[in-house]
PDB file of N, CA and C in Angstrom:
ATOM      1  N   MET A   1      98.646 106.305 108.455  1.00  0.00           N
ATOM      2  CA  MET A   1      98.736 107.654 107.120  1.00  0.00           C
ATOM      3  C   MET A   1      99.203 108.077 106.060  1.00  0.00           C
ATOM      4  N   ALA A   2      98.794 108.341 104.895  1.00  0.00           N
ATOM      5  CA  ALA A   2      99.303 107.716 103.576  1.00  0.00           C
ATOM      6  C   ALA A   2      99.773 108.889 102.834  1.00  0.00           C
ATOM      7  N   SER A   3     101.258 108.763 102.782  1.00  0.00           N
ATOM      8  CA  SER A   3     102.145 110.036 102.411  1.00  0.00           C
ATOM      9  C   SER A   3     101.653 110.390 101.178  1.00  0.00           C
ATOM     10  N   GLU A   4     101.646 111.769 101.116  1.00  0.00           N
ATOM     11  CA  GLU A   4     101.094 112.203  99.009  1.00  0.00           C
ATOM     12  C   GLU A   4     102.468 112.409  98.839  1.00  0.00           C
ATOM     13  N   ILE A   5     101.690 112.425  97.580  1.00  0.00           N
ATOM     14  CA  ILE A   5     102.816 111.750  96.086  1.00  0.00           C
ATOM     15  C   ILE A   5     103.348 112.767  95.993  1.00  0.00           C
ATOM     16  N   LYS A   6     104.424 113.767  95.482  1.00  0.00           N
ATOM     17  CA  LYS A   6     104.638 114.476  94.714  1.00  0.00           C
ATOM     18  C   LYS A   6     104.806 114.289  93.511  1.00  0.00           C
ATOM     19  N   ALA A   7     104.203 115.353  92.803  1.00  0.00           N
ATOM     20  CA  ALA A   7     104.755 115.703  90.764  1.00  0.00           C
ATOM     21  C   ALA A   7     105.604 115.644  91.068  1.00  0.00           C
ATOM     22  N   PRO A   8     106.831 115.011  90.195  1.00  0.00           N
ATOM     23  CA  PRO A   8     108.167 115.915  89.829  1.00  0.00           C
ATOM     24  C   PRO A   8     108.124 116.981  89.524  1.00  0.00           C
ATOM     25  N   THR A   9     109.322 117.298  89.329  1.00  0.00           N
ATOM     26  CA  THR A   9     110.204 118.774  88.623  1.00  0.00           C
ATOM     27  C   THR A   9     110.243 118.935  87.233  1.00  0.00           C
ATOM     28  N   VAL A  10     109.555 119.416  86.186  1.00  0.00           N
ATOM     29  CA  VAL A  10     109.868 119.085  85.096  1.00  0.00           C
ATOM     30  C   VAL A  10     109.580 120.397  84.483  1.00  0.00           C
ATOM     31  N   SER A  11     110.817 120.997  83.054  1.00  0.00           N
ATOM     32  CA  SER A  11     110.502 121.670  82.317  1.00  0.00           C
ATOM     33  C   SER A  11     108.997 122.080  81.450  1.00  0.00           C
ATOM     34  N   ARG A  12     108.708 123.460  81.690  1.00  0.00           N
ATOM     35  CA  ARG A  12     107.265 123.905  81.359  1.00  0.00           C
ATOM     36  C   ARG A  12     107.805 122.000  79.698  1.00  0.00           C
ATOM     37  N   VAL A  13     106.187 122.093  79.563  1.00  0.00           N
ATOM     38  CA  VAL A  13     105.452 120.845  78.487  1.00  0.00           C
ATOM     39  C   VAL A  13     105.045 121.885  76.869  1.00  0.00           C
ATOM     40  N   THR A  14     105.961 121.748  76.056  1.00  0.00           N
ATOM     41  CA  THR A  14     105.958 122.786  75.256  1.00  0.00           C
ATOM     42  C   THR A  14     103.950 121.940  74.075  1.00  0.00           C
ATOM     43  N   GLU A  15     103.802 123.210  74.391  1.00  0.00           N
ATOM     44  CA  GLU A  15     102.243 123.649  73.719  1.00  0.00           C
ATOM     45  C   GLU A  15     102.162 122.942  71.825  1.00  0.00           C
ATOM     46  N   LEU A  16     102.963 122.189  71.346  1.00  0.00           N
ATOM     47  CA  LEU A  16     102.133 121.009  69.773  1.00  0.00           C
ATOM     48  C   LEU A  16     101.091 120.631  69.740  1.00  0.00           C
ATOM     49  N   PRO A  17     100.533 120.482  68.940  1.00  0.00           N
ATOM     50  CA  PRO A  17      99.718 119.973  68.413  1.00  0.00           C
ATOM     51  C   PRO A  17     100.115 118.484  68.452  1.00  0.00           C
ATOM     52  N   THR A  18      98.787 117.400  68.984  1.00  0.00           N
ATOM     53  CA  THR A  18      99.941 116.630  69.411  1.00  0.00           C
ATOM     54  C   THR A  18      98.361 115.240  68.792  1.00  0.00           C
ATOM     55  N   SER A  19      97.617 115.604  67.932  1.00  0.00           N
ATOM     56  CA  SER A  19      96.437 114.636  67.150  1.00  0.00           C
ATOM     57  C   SER A  19      97.739 113.159  66.829  1.00  0.00           C
ATOM     58  N   HIS A  20      98.455 113.295  66.841  1.00  0.00           N
ATOM     59  CA  HIS A  20      99.388 112.667  65.640  1.00  0.00           C
ATOM     60  C   HIS A  20     100.260 111.442  66.471  1.00  0.00           C
ATOM     61  N   VAL A  21      99.838 111.616  68.080  1.00  0.00           N
ATOM     62  CA  VAL A  21     100.540 111.091  69.185  1.00  0.00           C
ATOM     63  C   VAL A  21      99.469 110.046  69.360  1.00  0.00           C
ATOM     64  N   PRO A  22     100.034 108.336  69.278  1.00  0.00           N
ATOM     65  CA  PRO A  22      99.211 107.739  69.595  1.00  0.00           C
ATOM     66  C   PRO A  22      98.592 107.746  70.629  1.00  0.00           C
ATOM     67  N   PHE A  23      97.584 106.838  71.388  1.00  0.00           N
ATOM     68  CA  PHE A  23      97.306 106.590  72.297  1.00  0.00           C
ATOM     69  C   PHE A  23      97.193 104.586  72.597  1.00  0.00           C
ATOM     70  N   VAL A  24      98.211 104.692  73.502  1.00  0.00           N
ATOM     71  CA  VAL A  24      99.142 103.526  73.837  1.00  0.00           C
ATOM     72  C   VAL A  24      97.680 102.043  75.005  1.00  0.00           C
ATOM     73  N   TYR A  25      96.845 101.638  74.475  1.00  0.00           N
ATOM     74  CA  TYR A  25      96.218 101.037  75.407  1.00  0.00           C
ATOM     75  C   TYR A  25      96.752  99.486  75.528  1.00  0.00           C
ATOM     76  N   PHE A  26      97.032  99.025  76.892  1.00  0.00           N
ATOM     77  CA  PHE A  26      96.951  98.025  77.793  1.00  0.00           C
ATOM     78  C   PHE A  26      96.512  97.071  78.376  1.00  0.00           C
ATOM     79  N   ASP A  27      96.645  95.667  78.288  1.00  0.00           N
ATOM     80  CA  ASP A  27      96.110  95.126  79.019  1.00  0.00           C
ATOM     81  C   ASP A  27      96.585  94.390  80.329  1.00  0.00           C
ATOM     82  N   GLY A  28      98.152  94.503  79.915  1.00  0.00           N
ATOM     83  CA  GLY A  28      99.521  94.210  81.247  1.00  0.00           C
ATOM     84  C   GLY A  28     100.645  94.334  80.478  1.00  0.00           C
ATOM     85  N   VAL A  29     101.802  93.822  81.215  1.00  0.00           N
ATOM     86  CA  VAL A  29     102.941  94.256  81.394  1.00  0.00           C
ATOM     87  C   VAL A  29     103.307  92.758  80.982  1.00  0.00           C
ATOM     88  N   VAL A  30     103.513  92.434  80.122  1.00  0.00           N
ATOM     89  CA  VAL A  30     104.409  91.091  79.674  1.00  0.00           C
ATOM     90  C   VAL A  30     105.626  90.848  79.705  1.00  0.00           C
ATOM     91  N   SER A  31     107.028  91.672  80.138  1.00  0.00           N
ATOM     92  CA  SER A  31     107.792  91.566  80.367  1.00  0.00           C
ATOM     93  C   SER A  31     108.596  93.016  80.723  1.00  0.00           C
ATOM     94  N   HIS A  32     110.031  93.054  81.546  1.00  0.00           N
ATOM     95  CA  HIS A  32     110.493  93.562  82.053  1.00  0.00           C
ATOM     96  C   HIS A  32     111.749  93.678  82.168  1.00  0.00           C
ATOM     97  N   GLY A  33     112.397  94.785  82.668  1.00  0.00           N
ATOM     98  CA  GLY A  33     113.571  94.477  82.395  1.00  0.00           C
ATOM     99  C   GLY A  33     114.923  95.576  82.432  1.00  0.00           C
ATOM    100  N   ALA A  34     115.707  94.813  82.897  1.00  0.00           N
ATOM    101  CA  ALA A  34     116.983  96.679  82.764  1.00  0.00           C
ATOM    102  C   ALA A  34     118.605  96.082  81.613  1.00  0.00           C
ATOM    103  N   ASN A  35     119.275  96.908  81.053  1.00  0.00           N
ATOM    104  CA  ASN A  35     119.821  96.738  80.171  1.00  0.00           C
ATOM    105  C   ASN A  35     120.699  97.266  80.060  1.00  0.00           C
ATOM    106  N   HIS A  36     122.028  97.581  80.660  1.00  0.00           N
ATOM    107  CA  HIS A  36     122.295  98.753  81.058  1.00  0.00           C
ATOM    108  C   HIS A  36     122.021 100.032  81.663  1.00  0.00           C
ATOM    109  N   GLY A  37     121.604  99.706  81.709  1.00  0.00           N
ATOM    110  CA  GLY A  37     120.549 101.053  83.217  1.00  0.00           C
ATOM    111  C   GLY A  37     119.834 101.869  82.578  1.00  0.00           C
ATOM    112  N   VAL A  38     118.536 101.297  81.458  1.00  0.00           N
ATOM    113  CA  VAL A  38     117.926 101.434  80.476  1.00  0.00           C
ATOM    114  C   VAL A  38     116.509  99.941  81.266  1.00  0.00           C
ATOM    115  N   ILE A  39     115.655 100.699  81.529  1.00  0.00           N
ATOM    116  CA  ILE A  39     114.231 100.375  82.079  1.00  0.00           C
ATOM    117  C   ILE A  39     114.234 100.002  80.805  1.00  0.00           C
ATOM    118  N   GLN A  40     113.773  98.674  80.820  1.00  0.00           N
ATOM    119  CA  GLN A  40     112.569  98.230  79.349  1.00  0.00           C
ATOM    120  C   GLN A  40     111.015  97.775  80.415  1.00  0.00           C
ATOM    121  N   LEU A  41     110.014  97.953  78.948  1.00  0.00           N
ATOM    122  CA  LEU A  41     108.766  97.493  79.587  1.00  0.00           C
ATOM    123  C   LEU A  41     108.350  96.838  78.488  1.00  0.00           C
ATOM    124  N   GLU A  42     107.721  95.559  78.719  1.00  0.00           N
ATOM    125  CA  GLU A  42     106.453  95.333  77.316  1.00  0.00           C
ATOM    126  C   GLU A  42     105.135  95.527  77.623  1.00  0.00           C
ATOM    127  N   LEU A  43     104.337  96.127  76.753  1.00  0.00           N
ATOM    128  CA  LEU A  43     103.138  96.176  77.303  1.00  0.00           C
ATOM    129  C   LEU A  43     101.784  95.030  76.116  1.00  0.00           C
ATOM    130  N   ALA A  44     101.726  94.873  76.092  1.00  0.00           N
ATOM    131  CA  ALA A  44     100.037  94.138  75.617  1.00  0.00           C
ATOM    132  C   ALA A  44      98.979  93.641  75.899  1.00  0.00           C
ATOM    133  N   ALA A  45      97.849  93.565  74.743  1.00  0.00           N
ATOM    134  CA  ALA A  45      96.903  93.510  74.821  1.00  0.00           C
ATOM    135  C   ALA A  45      96.263  92.090  74.140  1.00  0.00           C
ATOM    136  N   LYS A  46      95.060  92.050  74.783  1.00  0.00           N
ATOM    137  CA  LYS A  46      94.643  90.211  74.088  1.00  0.00           C
ATOM    138  C   LYS A  46      93.822  91.654  72.233  1.00  0.00           C
ATOM    139  N   ILE A  47      94.220  90.833  71.470  1.00  0.00           N
ATOM    140  CA  ILE A  47      92.955  91.275  70.579  1.00  0.00           C
ATOM    141  C   ILE A  47      92.372  89.333  70.112  1.00  0.00           C
ATOM    142  N   VAL A  48      90.825  90.253  69.938  1.00  0.00           N
ATOM    143  CA  VAL A  48      90.030  88.496  69.013  1.00  0.00           C
ATOM    144  C   VAL A  48      90.552  88.655  67.423  1.00  0.00           C
ATOM    145  N   VAL A  49      90.784  86.904  67.404  1.00  0.00           N
ATOM    146  CA  VAL A  49      90.875  87.148  65.601  1.00  0.00           C
ATOM    147  C   VAL A  49      89.571  86.194  64.875  1.00  0.00           C
ATOM    148  N   HIS A  50      89.183  87.446  63.780  1.00  0.00           N
ATOM    149  CA  HIS A  50      88.066  86.988  63.323  1.00  0.00           C
ATOM    150  C   HIS A  50      87.924  85.421  63.127  1.00  0.00           C
ATOM    151  N   PRO A  51      86.748  84.946  63.626  1.00  0.00           N
ATOM    152  CA  PRO A  51      87.039  82.997  62.797  1.00  0.00           C
ATOM    153  C   PRO A  51      86.830  82.546  61.438  1.00  0.00           C
ATOM    154  N   THR A  52      87.692  82.078  61.305  1.00  0.00           N
ATOM    155  CA  THR A  52      87.883  80.859  59.873  1.00  0.00           C
ATOM    156  C   THR A  52      86.507  79.912  59.758  1.00  0.00           C
ATOM    157  N   GLU A  53      87.241  79.326  58.255  1.00  0.00           N
ATOM    158  CA  GLU A  53      86.070  78.071  58.484  1.00  0.00           C
ATOM    159  C   GLU A  53      86.411  76.950  58.979  1.00  0.00           C
ATOM    160  N   LYS A  54      88.236  77.286  59.004  1.00  0.00           N
ATOM    161  CA  LYS A  54      88.365  75.764  59.759  1.00  0.00           C
ATOM    162  C   LYS A  54      88.446  76.574  61.932  1.00  0.00           C
ATOM    163  N   THR A  55      88.403  77.015  61.769  1.00  0.00           N
ATOM    164  CA  THR A  55      88.149  78.138  63.369  1.00  0.00           C
ATOM    165  C   THR A  55      87.284  78.909  64.324  1.00  0.00           C
ATOM    166  N   GLY A  56      87.239  79.109  64.907  1.00  0.00           N
ATOM    167  CA  GLY A  56      86.055  79.718  65.851  1.00  0.00           C
ATOM    168  C   GLY A  56      87.019  81.432  65.443  1.00  0.00           C
ATOM    169  N   ALA A  57      86.767  81.769  66.485  1.00  0.00           N
ATOM    170  CA  ALA A  57      87.140  83.021  67.161  1.00  0.00           C
ATOM    171  C   ALA A  57      88.260  83.130  68.324  1.00  0.00           C
ATOM    172  N   ARG A  58      89.812  83.390  67.972  1.00  0.00           N
ATOM    173  CA  ARG A  58      90.616  83.178  68.342  1.00  0.00           C
ATOM    174  C   ARG A  58      90.850  84.438  69.308  1.00  0.00           C
ATOM    175  N   THR A  59      91.505  84.424  70.206  1.00  0.00           N
ATOM    176  CA  THR A  59      92.152  85.335  71.224  1.00  0.00           C
ATOM    177  C   THR A  59      93.520  85.919  71.318  1.00  0.00           C
ATOM    178  N   HIS A  60      93.986  86.492  70.746  1.00  0.00           N
ATOM    179  CA  HIS A  60      95.624  86.506  70.926  1.00  0.00           C
ATOM    180  C   HIS A  60      95.893  87.296  71.483  1.00  0.00           C
ATOM    181  N   VAL A  61      97.949  87.694  72.144  1.00  0.00           N
ATOM    182  CA  VAL A  61      97.922  88.572  72.669  1.00  0.00           C
ATOM    183  C   VAL A  61      99.233  89.222  72.125  1.00  0.00           C
ATOM    184  N   VAL A  62      99.470  90.350  72.130  1.00  0.00           N
ATOM    185  CA  VAL A  62     100.261  91.350  71.087  1.00  0.00           C
ATOM    186  C   VAL A  62     101.185  92.665  71.922  1.00  0.00           C
ATOM    187  N   VAL A  63     102.196  92.810  71.438  1.00  0.00           N
ATOM    188  CA  VAL A  63     102.709  93.467  72.172  1.00  0.00           C
ATOM    189  C   VAL A  63     102.399  94.936  71.243  1.00  0.00           C
ATOM    190  N   THR A  64     101.725  95.646  72.242  1.00  0.00           N
ATOM    191  CA  THR A  64     101.572  97.437  71.565  1.00  0.00           C
ATOM    192  C   THR A  64     102.024  98.041  72.544  1.00  0.00           C
ATOM    193  N   ALA A  65     103.161  98.112  72.702  1.00  0.00           N
ATOM    194  CA  ALA A  65     104.552  99.418  73.133  1.00  0.00           C
ATOM    195  C   ALA A  65     105.154  98.159  74.015  1.00  0.00           C
ATOM    196  N   HIS A  66     106.332  99.047  73.237  1.00  0.00           N
ATOM    197  CA  HIS A  66     107.971  98.563  74.030  1.00  0.00           C
ATOM    198  C   HIS A  66     108.226 100.390  74.195  1.00  0.00           C
ATOM    199  N   VAL A  67     108.892 100.446  75.808  1.00  0.00           N
ATOM    200  CA  VAL A  67     108.311 101.023  76.616  1.00  0.00           C
ATOM    201  C   VAL A  67     110.776 101.786  76.713  1.00  0.00           C
ATOM    202  N   ARG A  68     110.649 102.373  76.547  1.00  0.00           N
ATOM    203  CA  ARG A  68     112.408 102.244  77.856  1.00  0.00           C
ATOM    204  C   ARG A  68     112.734 103.927  78.094  1.00  0.00           C
ATOM    205  N   CYS A  69     113.218 103.781  79.016  1.00  0.00           N
ATOM    206  CA  CYS A  69     113.414 105.295  79.228  1.00  0.00           C
ATOM    207  C   CYS A  69     114.327 104.643  80.945  1.00  0.00           C
ATOM    208  N   SER A  70     115.236 106.271  81.298  1.00  0.00           N
ATOM    209  CA  SER A  70     116.017 105.967  82.520  1.00  0.00           C
ATOM    210  C   SER A  70     115.173 105.498  83.807  1.00  0.00           C
ATOM    211  N   PRO A  71     116.510 105.129  84.767  1.00  0.00           N
ATOM    212  CA  PRO A  71     115.371 105.164  86.139  1.00  0.00           C
ATOM    213  C   PRO A  71     115.236 106.153  86.676  1.00  0.00           C
ATOM    214  N   ASP A  72     115.556 107.359  86.243  1.00  0.00           N
ATOM    215  CA  ASP A  72     114.779 108.595  86.943  1.00  0.00           C
ATOM    216  C   ASP A  72     113.155 108.737  86.196  1.00  0.00           C
ATOM    217  N   ALA A  73     113.020 108.410  85.046  1.00  0.00           N
ATOM    218  CA  ALA A  73     111.562 108.653  84.074  1.00  0.00           C
ATOM    219  C   ALA A  73     111.147 107.218  84.448  1.00  0.00           C
ATOM    220  N   ALA A  74     110.806 106.177  85.037  1.00  0.00           N
ATOM    221  CA  ALA A  74     110.760 105.235  85.152  1.00  0.00           C
ATOM    222  C   ALA A  74     109.829 105.758  86.682  1.00  0.00           C
ATOM    223  N   ALA A  75     111.452 106.013  87.694  1.00  0.00           N
ATOM    224  CA  ALA A  75     110.337 107.040  88.991  1.00  0.00           C
ATOM    225  C   ALA A  75     109.421 107.142  87.941  1.00  0.00           C
ATOM    226  N   ASP A  76     109.383 108.005  87.751  1.00  0.00           N
ATOM    227  CA  ASP A  76     108.529 109.675  87.250  1.00  0.00           C
ATOM    228  C   ASP A  76     107.074 108.690  87.086  1.00  0.00           C
ATOM    229  N   LEU A  77     107.371 107.513  85.698  1.00  0.00           N
ATOM    230  CA  LEU A  77     106.246 107.186  85.944  1.00  0.00           C
ATOM    231  C   LEU A  77     105.708 106.322  86.556  1.00  0.00           C
ATOM    232  N   LYS A  78     106.033 105.727  87.788  1.00  0.00           N
ATOM    233  CA  LYS A  78     105.936 104.834  88.947  1.00  0.00           C
ATOM    234  C   LYS A  78     104.692 106.168  89.922  1.00  0.00           C
ATOM    235  N   ARG A  79     105.557 107.268  89.757  1.00  0.00           N
ATOM    236  CA  ARG A  79     104.899 107.979  90.350  1.00  0.00           C
ATOM    237  C   ARG A  79     103.346 108.730  90.216  1.00  0.00           C
ATOM    238  N   ALA A  80     103.595 108.665  88.513  1.00  0.00           N
ATOM    239  CA  ALA A  80     101.997 108.926  88.158  1.00  0.00           C
ATOM    240  C   ALA A  80     101.093 108.044  87.778  1.00  0.00           C
ATOM    241  N   ILE A  81     101.826 106.769  88.154  1.00  0.00           N
ATOM    242  CA  ILE A  81     100.707 105.333  88.241  1.00  0.00           C
ATOM    243  C   ILE A  81     100.256 105.491  89.534  1.00  0.00           C
ATOM    244  N   ASP A  82     100.806 105.527  89.945  1.00  0.00           N
ATOM    245  CA  ASP A  82     100.474 105.330  91.823  1.00  0.00           C
ATOM    246  C   ASP A  82      99.263 106.379  91.890  1.00  0.00           C
ATOM    247  N   SER A  83      99.626 107.497  91.577  1.00  0.00           N
ATOM    248  CA  SER A  83      98.651 109.087  91.706  1.00  0.00           C
ATOM    249  C   SER A  83      97.437 108.881  91.144  1.00  0.00           C
ATOM    250  N   ALA A  84      97.624 108.531  89.704  1.00  0.00           N
ATOM    251  CA  ALA A  84      96.202 107.816  88.819  1.00  0.00           C
ATOM    252  C   ALA A  84      95.098 106.659  89.706  1.00  0.00           C
ATOM    253  N   LEU A  85      96.501 106.203  90.507  1.00  0.00           N
ATOM    254  CA  LEU A  85      95.241 105.382  91.613  1.00  0.00           C
ATOM    255  C   LEU A  85      94.782 105.420  92.736  1.00  0.00           C
ATOM    256  N   LEU A  86      95.413 105.996  93.094  1.00  0.00           N
ATOM    257  CA  LEU A  86      95.016 107.220  94.379  1.00  0.00           C
ATOM    258  C   LEU A  86      93.420 107.519  93.941  1.00  0.00           C
ATOM    259  N   LEU A  87      93.808 108.305  92.054  1.00  0.00           N
ATOM    260  CA  LEU A  87      91.968 108.883  92.068  1.00  0.00           C
ATOM    261  C   LEU A  87      91.480 108.179  91.718  1.00  0.00           C
ATOM    262  N   ALA A  88      91.918 106.430  91.329  1.00  0.00           N
ATOM    263  CA  ALA A  88      90.773 106.311  90.980  1.00  0.00           C
ATOM    264  C   ALA A  88      90.159 105.159  91.904  1.00  0.00           C
ATOM    265  N   LYS A  89      90.796 105.471  93.869  1.00  0.00           N
ATOM    266  CA  LYS A  89      90.193 104.483  94.484  1.00  0.00           C
ATOM    267  C   LYS A  89      89.359 106.083  94.669  1.00  0.00           C
ATOM    268  N   ARG A  90      89.413 107.069  94.589  1.00  0.00           N
ATOM    269  CA  ARG A  90      88.275 108.079  94.955  1.00  0.00           C
ATOM    270  C   ARG A  90      86.688 107.489  94.833  1.00  0.00           C
ATOM    271  N   PRO A  91      86.042 108.114  96.379  1.00  0.00           N
ATOM    272  CA  PRO A  91      84.159 107.513  96.086  1.00  0.00           C
ATOM    273  C   PRO A  91      84.243 108.799  95.316  1.00  0.00           C
ATOM    274  N   THR A  92      82.948 107.975  94.294  1.00  0.00           N
ATOM    275  CA  THR A  92      82.722 108.883  93.701  1.00  0.00           C
ATOM    276  C   THR A  92      81.097 108.911  93.654  1.00  0.00           C
ATOM    277  N   HIS A  93      80.994 108.623  95.067  1.00  0.00           N
ATOM    278  CA  HIS A  93      78.849 108.701  95.266  1.00  0.00           C
ATOM    279  C   HIS A  93      78.695 110.110  95.230  1.00  0.00           C
ATOM    280  N   ARG A  94      77.484 110.279  95.008  1.00  0.00           N
ATOM    281  CA  ARG A  94      76.818 111.550  95.207  1.00  0.00           C
ATOM    282  C   ARG A  94      76.157 111.842  96.199  1.00  0.00           C
ATOM    283  N   THR A  95      76.088 113.095  97.384  1.00  0.00           N
ATOM    284  CA  THR A  95      75.020 112.899  98.172  1.00  0.00           C
ATOM    285  C   THR A  95      74.292 113.815  97.170  1.00  0.00           C
ATOM    286  N   LYS A  96      72.016 113.739  97.659  1.00  0.00           N
ATOM    287  CA  LYS A  96      71.370 114.418  96.785  1.00  0.00           C
ATOM    288  C   LYS A  96      70.793 114.786  97.995  1.00  0.00           C
ATOM    289  N   PRO A  97      70.436 116.456  97.027  1.00  0.00           N
ATOM    290  CA  PRO A  97      70.134 117.822  97.560  1.00  0.00           C
ATOM    291  C   PRO A  97      69.276 117.834  98.616  1.00  0.00           C
ATOM    292  N   SER A  98      69.219 118.647  99.661  1.00  0.00           N
ATOM    293  CA  SER A  98      68.178 119.112 100.328  1.00  0.00           C
ATOM    294  C   SER A  98      67.045 119.095  99.779  1.00  0.00           C
ATOM    295  N   PRO A  99      65.910 119.227 100.553  1.00  0.00           N
ATOM    296  CA  PRO A  99      64.234 119.629 100.022  1.00  0.00           C
ATOM    297  C   PRO A  99      64.547 120.957  99.657  1.00  0.00           C
ATOM    298  N   ALA A 100      65.375 121.966 100.730  1.00  0.00           N
ATOM    299  CA  ALA A 100      65.738 123.442 100.096  1.00  0.00           C
ATOM    300  C   ALA A 100      66.500 124.459  99.167  1.00  0.00           C
ATOM    301  N   ALA A 101      67.380 123.397  99.125  1.00  0.00           N
ATOM    302  CA  ALA A 101      68.249 122.865  97.937  1.00  0.00           C
ATOM    303  C   ALA A 101      67.661 123.305  96.589  1.00  0.00           C
ATOM    304  N   ARG A 102      66.857 122.299  96.394  1.00  0.00           N
ATOM    305  CA  ARG A 102      65.994 121.953  95.101  1.00  0.00           C
ATOM    306  C   ARG A 102      64.700 122.659  94.664  1.00  0.00           C
ATOM    307  N   THR A 103      63.872 123.296  95.877  1.00  0.00           N
ATOM    308  CA  THR A 103      63.437 124.505  95.517  1.00  0.00           C
ATOM    309  C   THR A 103      63.349 125.883  95.231  1.00  0.00           C
ATOM    310  N   SER A 104      64.762 126.180  96.050  1.00  0.00           N
ATOM    311  CA  SER A 104      65.167 127.539  96.191  1.00  0.00           C
ATOM    312  C   SER A 104      65.560 127.847  95.004  1.00  0.00           C
ATOM    313  N   LYS A 105      65.234 128.818  94.078  1.00  0.00           N
ATOM    314  CA  LYS A 105      65.640 129.812  93.070  1.00  0.00           C
ATOM    315  C   LYS A 105      67.210 131.135  93.235  1.00  0.00           C
ATOM    316  N   PRO A 106      67.506 130.768  92.026  1.00  0.00           N
ATOM    317  CA  PRO A 106      68.791 131.687  91.545  1.00  0.00           C
ATOM    318  C   PRO A 106      68.443 133.158  92.232  1.00  0.00           C
ATOM    319  N   ASN A 107      69.498 133.500  92.704  1.00  0.00           N
ATOM    320  CA  ASN A 107      68.960 135.139  92.899  1.00  0.00           C
ATOM    321  C   ASN A 107      69.041 135.934  91.051  1.00  0.00           C
TER     322      ASN A 107
END
């Protein structure tokens, strides 16, 4: 039986405009570690460099974010990722409505 993943207890999130907050996209974690108790992750993504006269198009891996956090925050992030992965595994198939449901009319 799978254990339930509980959301961490956090204080209320302030509802301020977030249009200035960047989205972080990454294809993988290229480095991780801990330094004096601080968790460190380097996230990276592949980019395509336009071809030049001498070379064709090339793919480079570039760091997209440096994540630094406490062990507690890292555990919260891990729980959130585990929970999101469980949601991603849920089946998304839809059942077809019965013939009676297709012909019925709302009141």
